[in-house]
Amino acid sequence: MTTHRARRTVRTARSAGLVAVAAAAAFSLTACGSGDSDASGHGTNDSAASSASHSTGNAGAAGGSKADASKPDASKPGGSQDGGSKSGDSRTGSSSSGSRAGSSEAGGDQSIADKAGTTAEAGSSPVHNRTLPDGSTARIYQVGAQKYRADIVSHGSVLGSMETHDTDAGLDFNDMFIVLGIDGSLHSWMGGGHQGPGTFTVAGDWKVKITKPGESHYRAQIIGHDGVAATLDADEHDEGLDANGIYMVLSAGGVLSAHA
């Protein structure tokens, strides 16, 4: 009985030892597994964090570039946004096209009036000056193609003015007669007037027939060997012409004077 108990005790002790060893091994394996898991998890987390950080960084960079792209660029007048730039360009374009249209209207195929304005601005000084018989001065300006203006100036004051309109101009200025040609030439003389209506022979052997169609309206027919060569029609303003080197003025009061 004693021997049997001893064997049973030994077996029990061995069993307990085996259980302890197994428990220790299991604990060791568990610890190793946990360590590996922690290490693996830490590595995974690091990898994920790194990936997340990398992704976040890229996203941040992308977001930053987008934000920068959305911000106006101070170096550009209209900002860096394409929409603003395009709208600015379109406005500028329309303004530029309006400006170009204005330029083509004002400076392209200019009318005589436009050329007159341009010429007057380009050269505000007279083309030439002429001393008149009464001591005053005629300042002659070119104001367009075959268009001239003469200002009669005395002591710094403009006393009168005459201008060509595709034809010669004439002026009776207190019995001083002036003809301004479409080429800018000017001829003046004193006296020699004939009061119409009537028919008169004047310088150059021209015959002049003056009629009065109305109040302050006189008409003079310039008659040569072959008939009527020209007509002066002074309707409330003086008229003048160059008849082959003979200069004539007909006033609105019916006075005609001719000078070679």
Protein backbone atom coordinates (compact mmCIF):
# COMPACT_ATOMS: atom_id res chain seq x y z
CA MET A 1 0.00 0.00 0.00
CA THR A 2 2.80 2.35 0.83
CA THR A 3 4.63 1.57 -2.39
CA HIS A 4 1.57 2.11 -4.49
CA ARG A 5 0.98 5.51 -2.91
CA ALA A 6 4.56 6.52 -3.55
CA ARG A 7 4.28 5.64 -7.22
CA ARG A 8 1.03 7.53 -7.42
CA THR A 9 2.71 10.53 -5.74
CA VAL A 10 5.61 10.35 -8.18
CA ARG A 11 3.19 10.18 -11.10
CA THR A 12 1.25 13.08 -9.68
CA ALA A 13 4.43 15.10 -9.29
CA ARG A 14 5.49 14.25 -12.82
CA SER A 15 2.09 15.23 -14.11
CA ALA A 16 2.25 18.48 -12.22
CA GLY A 17 5.70 19.14 -13.63
CA LEU A 18 4.57 18.42 -17.14
CA VAL A 19 1.60 20.71 -16.66
CA ALA A 20 3.89 23.42 -15.35
CA VAL A 21 6.26 22.99 -18.27
CA ALA A 22 3.35 23.05 -20.72
CA ALA A 23 1.95 26.14 -19.04
CA ALA A 24 5.32 27.85 -19.20
CA ALA A 25 5.69 26.91 -22.84
CA ALA A 26 2.21 28.16 -23.58
CA PHE A 27 2.93 31.37 -21.73
CA SER A 28 6.18 31.77 -23.64
CA LEU A 29 4.45 31.15 -26.94
CA THR A 30 1.72 33.59 -25.98
CA ALA A 31 4.26 36.19 -25.04
CA CYS A 32 6.15 35.67 -28.28
CA GLY A 33 2.95 35.84 -30.27
CA SER A 34 1.96 39.04 -28.51
CA GLY A 35 5.39 40.52 -29.14
CA ASP A 36 5.31 39.56 -32.76
CA SER A 37 1.79 40.85 -33.03
CA ASP A 38 2.78 44.09 -31.35
CA ALA A 39 5.81 44.38 -33.53
CA SER A 40 3.79 43.50 -36.58
CA GLY A 41 1.04 45.84 -35.52
CA HIS A 42 3.55 48.57 -34.80
CA GLY A 43 5.15 48.02 -38.18
CA THR A 44 1.80 48.01 -39.83
CA ASN A 45 0.79 51.09 -37.97
CA ASP A 46 4.08 52.75 -38.87
CA SER A 47 3.59 51.75 -42.46
CA ALA A 48 0.01 52.94 -42.39
CA ALA A 49 1.02 56.12 -40.61
CA SER A 50 3.79 56.64 -43.10
CA SER A 51 1.41 55.97 -45.96
CA ALA A 52 -1.19 58.19 -44.36
CA SER A 53 1.40 60.83 -43.71
CA HIS A 54 2.68 60.52 -47.26
CA SER A 55 -0.86 60.60 -48.61
CA THR A 56 -1.78 63.46 -46.35
CA GLY A 57 1.35 65.30 -47.33
CA ASN A 58 0.63 64.82 -51.00
CA ALA A 59 -2.96 65.76 -50.46
CA GLY A 60 -1.85 68.77 -48.49
CA ALA A 61 0.55 69.70 -51.23
CA ALA A 62 -2.13 69.20 -53.82
CA GLY A 63 -4.56 71.14 -51.70
CA GLY A 64 -1.95 73.81 -51.24
CA SER A 65 -1.34 74.04 -54.96
CA LYS A 66 -5.05 74.24 -55.57
CA ALA A 67 -5.39 76.91 -52.96
CA ASP A 68 -2.48 78.77 -54.48
CA ALA A 69 -4.06 78.42 -57.88
CA SER A 70 -7.30 79.85 -56.52
CA LYS A 71 -5.54 82.85 -55.02
CA PRO A 72 -5.09 85.95 -57.19
CA ASP A 73 -1.56 86.38 -58.45
CA ALA A 74 -0.35 89.87 -57.67
CA SER A 75 1.96 89.74 -60.66
CA LYS A 76 -1.03 89.60 -63.00
CA PRO A 77 -3.37 92.57 -63.28
CA GLY A 78 -6.48 90.43 -63.30
CA GLY A 79 -5.32 87.73 -60.86
CA SER A 80 -4.24 84.20 -61.63
CA GLN A 81 -7.73 82.85 -62.05
CA ASP A 82 -8.44 81.98 -65.62
CA GLY A 83 -12.00 83.15 -65.35
CA GLY A 84 -11.00 86.58 -64.08
CA SER A 85 -8.22 86.83 -66.59
CA LYS A 86 -10.48 85.86 -69.44
CA SER A 87 -13.20 88.22 -68.35
CA GLY A 88 -10.60 90.95 -68.03
CA ASP A 89 -9.24 90.07 -71.45
CA SER A 90 -12.70 90.11 -72.97
CA ARG A 91 -13.38 93.50 -71.48
CA THR A 92 -10.04 94.75 -72.65
CA GLY A 93 -10.67 93.23 -76.06
CA SER A 94 -14.01 94.93 -76.42
CA SER A 95 -12.49 98.18 -75.32
CA SER A 96 -9.59 97.54 -77.72
CA SER A 97 -11.98 96.65 -80.57
CA GLY A 98 -14.03 99.79 -79.80
CA SER A 99 -10.80 101.75 -79.85
CA ARG A 100 -9.80 100.10 -83.14
CA ALA A 101 -13.25 100.85 -84.57
CA GLY A 102 -12.91 104.46 -83.41
CA SER A 103 -9.47 104.59 -85.01
CA SER A 104 -10.72 103.20 -88.32
CA GLU A 105 -13.59 105.68 -88.32
CA ALA A 106 -11.50 108.64 -87.25
CA GLY A 107 -8.18 107.80 -88.87
CA GLY A 108 -8.91 105.23 -91.57
CA ASP A 109 -10.91 106.54 -94.50
CA GLN A 110 -11.05 110.06 -93.20
CA SER A 111 -13.51 112.54 -94.54
CA ILE A 112 -12.34 116.03 -95.35
CA ALA A 113 -13.74 117.22 -92.02
CA ASP A 114 -11.72 114.58 -90.16
CA LYS A 115 -8.59 115.48 -92.10
CA ALA A 116 -9.23 119.11 -91.35
CA GLY A 117 -9.34 118.43 -87.64
CA THR A 118 -6.23 116.26 -87.81
CA THR A 119 -4.33 118.79 -89.90
CA ALA A 120 -5.34 121.66 -87.67
CA GLU A 121 -4.09 119.78 -84.60
CA ALA A 122 -0.94 118.62 -86.35
CA GLY A 123 0.03 122.12 -87.45
CA SER A 124 -1.62 124.90 -85.47
CA SER A 125 0.79 127.50 -86.85
CA PRO A 126 -0.10 129.25 -90.13
CA VAL A 127 1.11 127.89 -93.45
CA HIS A 128 2.12 131.43 -94.34
CA ASN A 129 1.24 135.05 -93.60
CA ARG A 130 0.43 137.83 -96.02
CA THR A 131 0.40 141.56 -95.38
CA LEU A 132 -2.81 143.09 -96.69
CA PRO A 133 -3.19 146.53 -98.36
CA ASP A 134 -4.72 148.10 -95.24
CA GLY A 135 -1.75 147.02 -93.08
CA SER A 136 -3.44 144.06 -91.43
CA THR A 137 -2.14 140.50 -91.75
CA ALA A 138 -3.76 137.41 -93.23
CA ARG A 139 -2.75 134.23 -91.41
CA ILE A 140 -3.43 131.25 -93.63
CA TYR A 141 -4.00 127.75 -92.21
CA GLN A 142 -4.50 124.46 -94.01
CA VAL A 143 -7.49 122.75 -92.45
CA GLY A 144 -8.03 119.93 -94.95
CA ALA A 145 -7.46 118.67 -98.47
CA GLN A 146 -7.77 121.74 -100.73
CA LYS A 147 -9.25 123.52 -97.74
CA TYR A 148 -7.70 126.63 -96.23
CA ARG A 149 -8.71 129.29 -93.76
CA ALA A 150 -7.44 132.88 -93.61
CA ASP A 151 -7.75 134.94 -90.44
CA ILE A 152 -7.43 138.70 -90.83
CA VAL A 153 -5.47 139.92 -87.83
CA SER A 154 -4.70 143.45 -86.68
CA HIS A 155 -2.90 144.33 -83.43
CA GLY A 156 -3.34 140.75 -82.19
CA SER A 157 -7.10 140.62 -82.78
CA VAL A 158 -8.88 138.55 -85.43
CA LEU A 159 -11.11 140.98 -87.35
CA GLY A 160 -12.47 138.56 -89.93
CA SER A 161 -12.11 135.08 -91.36
CA MET A 162 -12.70 133.30 -94.66
CA GLU A 163 -12.47 129.63 -95.65
CA THR A 164 -12.46 127.65 -98.87
CA HIS A 165 -15.00 124.84 -99.36
CA ASP A 166 -13.81 122.98 -102.45
CA THR A 167 -13.95 126.33 -104.28
CA ASP A 168 -12.17 129.66 -103.96
CA ALA A 169 -13.39 132.07 -101.30
CA GLY A 170 -13.89 135.84 -101.57
CA LEU A 171 -14.34 138.65 -99.09
CA ASP A 172 -15.18 142.35 -99.29
CA PHE A 173 -13.54 143.74 -96.16
CA ASN A 174 -14.31 147.46 -96.01
CA ASP A 175 -13.55 147.97 -99.72
CA MET A 176 -10.50 145.72 -99.45
CA PHE A 177 -11.12 142.66 -101.59
CA ILE A 178 -9.51 139.29 -100.87
CA VAL A 179 -9.55 136.01 -102.80
CA LEU A 180 -8.34 132.84 -101.04
CA GLY A 181 -7.64 129.97 -103.45
CA ILE A 182 -8.13 126.26 -102.84
CA ASP A 183 -4.34 125.94 -103.06
CA GLY A 184 -3.85 128.36 -100.15
CA SER A 185 -2.80 131.30 -102.30
CA LEU A 186 -4.15 134.70 -101.35
CA HIS A 187 -4.63 137.87 -103.43
CA SER A 188 -5.87 141.20 -102.15
CA TRP A 189 -6.41 144.74 -103.47
CA MET A 190 -8.23 147.91 -102.63
CA GLY A 191 -11.22 149.48 -104.41
CA GLY A 192 -12.39 149.05 -107.99
CA GLY A 193 -15.90 147.95 -107.03
CA HIS A 194 -19.00 148.03 -109.29
CA GLN A 195 -22.42 148.15 -107.68
CA GLY A 196 -24.98 145.80 -109.18
CA PRO A 197 -27.38 145.10 -110.66
CA GLY A 198 -25.86 145.93 -114.02
CA THR A 199 -23.35 144.82 -116.65
CA PHE A 200 -19.71 145.87 -116.41
CA THR A 201 -16.42 145.28 -118.19
CA VAL A 202 -13.64 144.46 -115.75
CA ALA A 203 -9.95 143.49 -115.75
CA GLY A 204 -8.98 140.84 -118.26
CA ASP A 205 -11.66 142.12 -120.65
CA TRP A 206 -14.26 140.07 -118.89
CA LYS A 207 -17.87 141.16 -119.00
CA VAL A 208 -19.80 140.76 -115.77
CA LYS A 209 -23.60 140.78 -115.59
CA ILE A 210 -24.92 141.27 -112.04
CA THR A 211 -28.51 140.44 -111.11
CA LYS A 212 -30.39 140.49 -107.79
CA PRO A 213 -32.50 137.36 -107.22
CA GLY A 214 -33.41 138.36 -103.64
CA GLU A 215 -32.59 140.39 -100.56
CA SER A 216 -28.86 140.18 -99.77
CA HIS A 217 -28.57 137.86 -102.74
CA TYR A 218 -26.68 138.82 -105.89
CA ARG A 219 -25.52 136.76 -108.82
CA ALA A 220 -22.76 137.64 -111.30
CA GLN A 221 -22.26 135.91 -114.62
CA ILE A 222 -18.68 136.06 -115.88
CA ILE A 223 -18.93 136.27 -119.66
CA GLY A 224 -16.06 135.65 -122.08
CA HIS A 225 -15.78 135.38 -125.85
CA ASP A 226 -17.44 131.94 -125.76
CA GLY A 227 -20.29 132.87 -123.43
CA VAL A 228 -20.74 132.44 -119.68
CA ALA A 229 -17.52 131.04 -118.26
CA ALA A 230 -18.39 131.14 -114.55
CA THR A 231 -20.99 132.36 -112.08
CA LEU A 232 -20.64 133.93 -108.64
CA ASP A 233 -23.66 133.52 -106.34
CA ALA A 234 -23.42 135.71 -103.23
CA ASP A 235 -26.39 134.69 -101.08
CA GLU A 236 -25.94 136.48 -97.74
CA HIS A 237 -22.18 135.94 -97.92
CA ASP A 238 -19.39 137.11 -100.21
CA GLU A 239 -18.00 134.94 -103.00
CA GLY A 240 -14.76 135.02 -105.00
CA LEU A 241 -12.94 133.23 -107.80
CA ASP A 242 -9.83 133.09 -109.95
CA ALA A 243 -10.78 133.54 -113.62
CA ASN A 244 -7.56 132.62 -115.43
CA GLY A 245 -5.45 134.94 -113.29
CA ILE A 246 -8.15 137.61 -112.86
CA TYR A 247 -9.40 137.63 -109.29
CA MET A 248 -13.01 138.68 -108.62
CA VAL A 249 -15.10 139.23 -105.52
CA LEU A 250 -18.88 139.67 -105.39
CA SER A 251 -20.26 140.84 -102.05
CA ALA A 252 -23.66 140.04 -100.58
CA GLY A 253 -24.36 143.77 -101.06
CA GLY A 254 -23.96 143.47 -104.85
CA VAL A 255 -20.49 145.06 -105.20
CA LEU A 256 -18.12 143.36 -107.65
CA SER A 257 -14.42 144.08 -107.99
CA ALA A 258 -11.84 142.42 -110.24
CA HIS A 259 -8.06 142.59 -110.14
CA ALA A 260 -5.28 141.10 -112.26
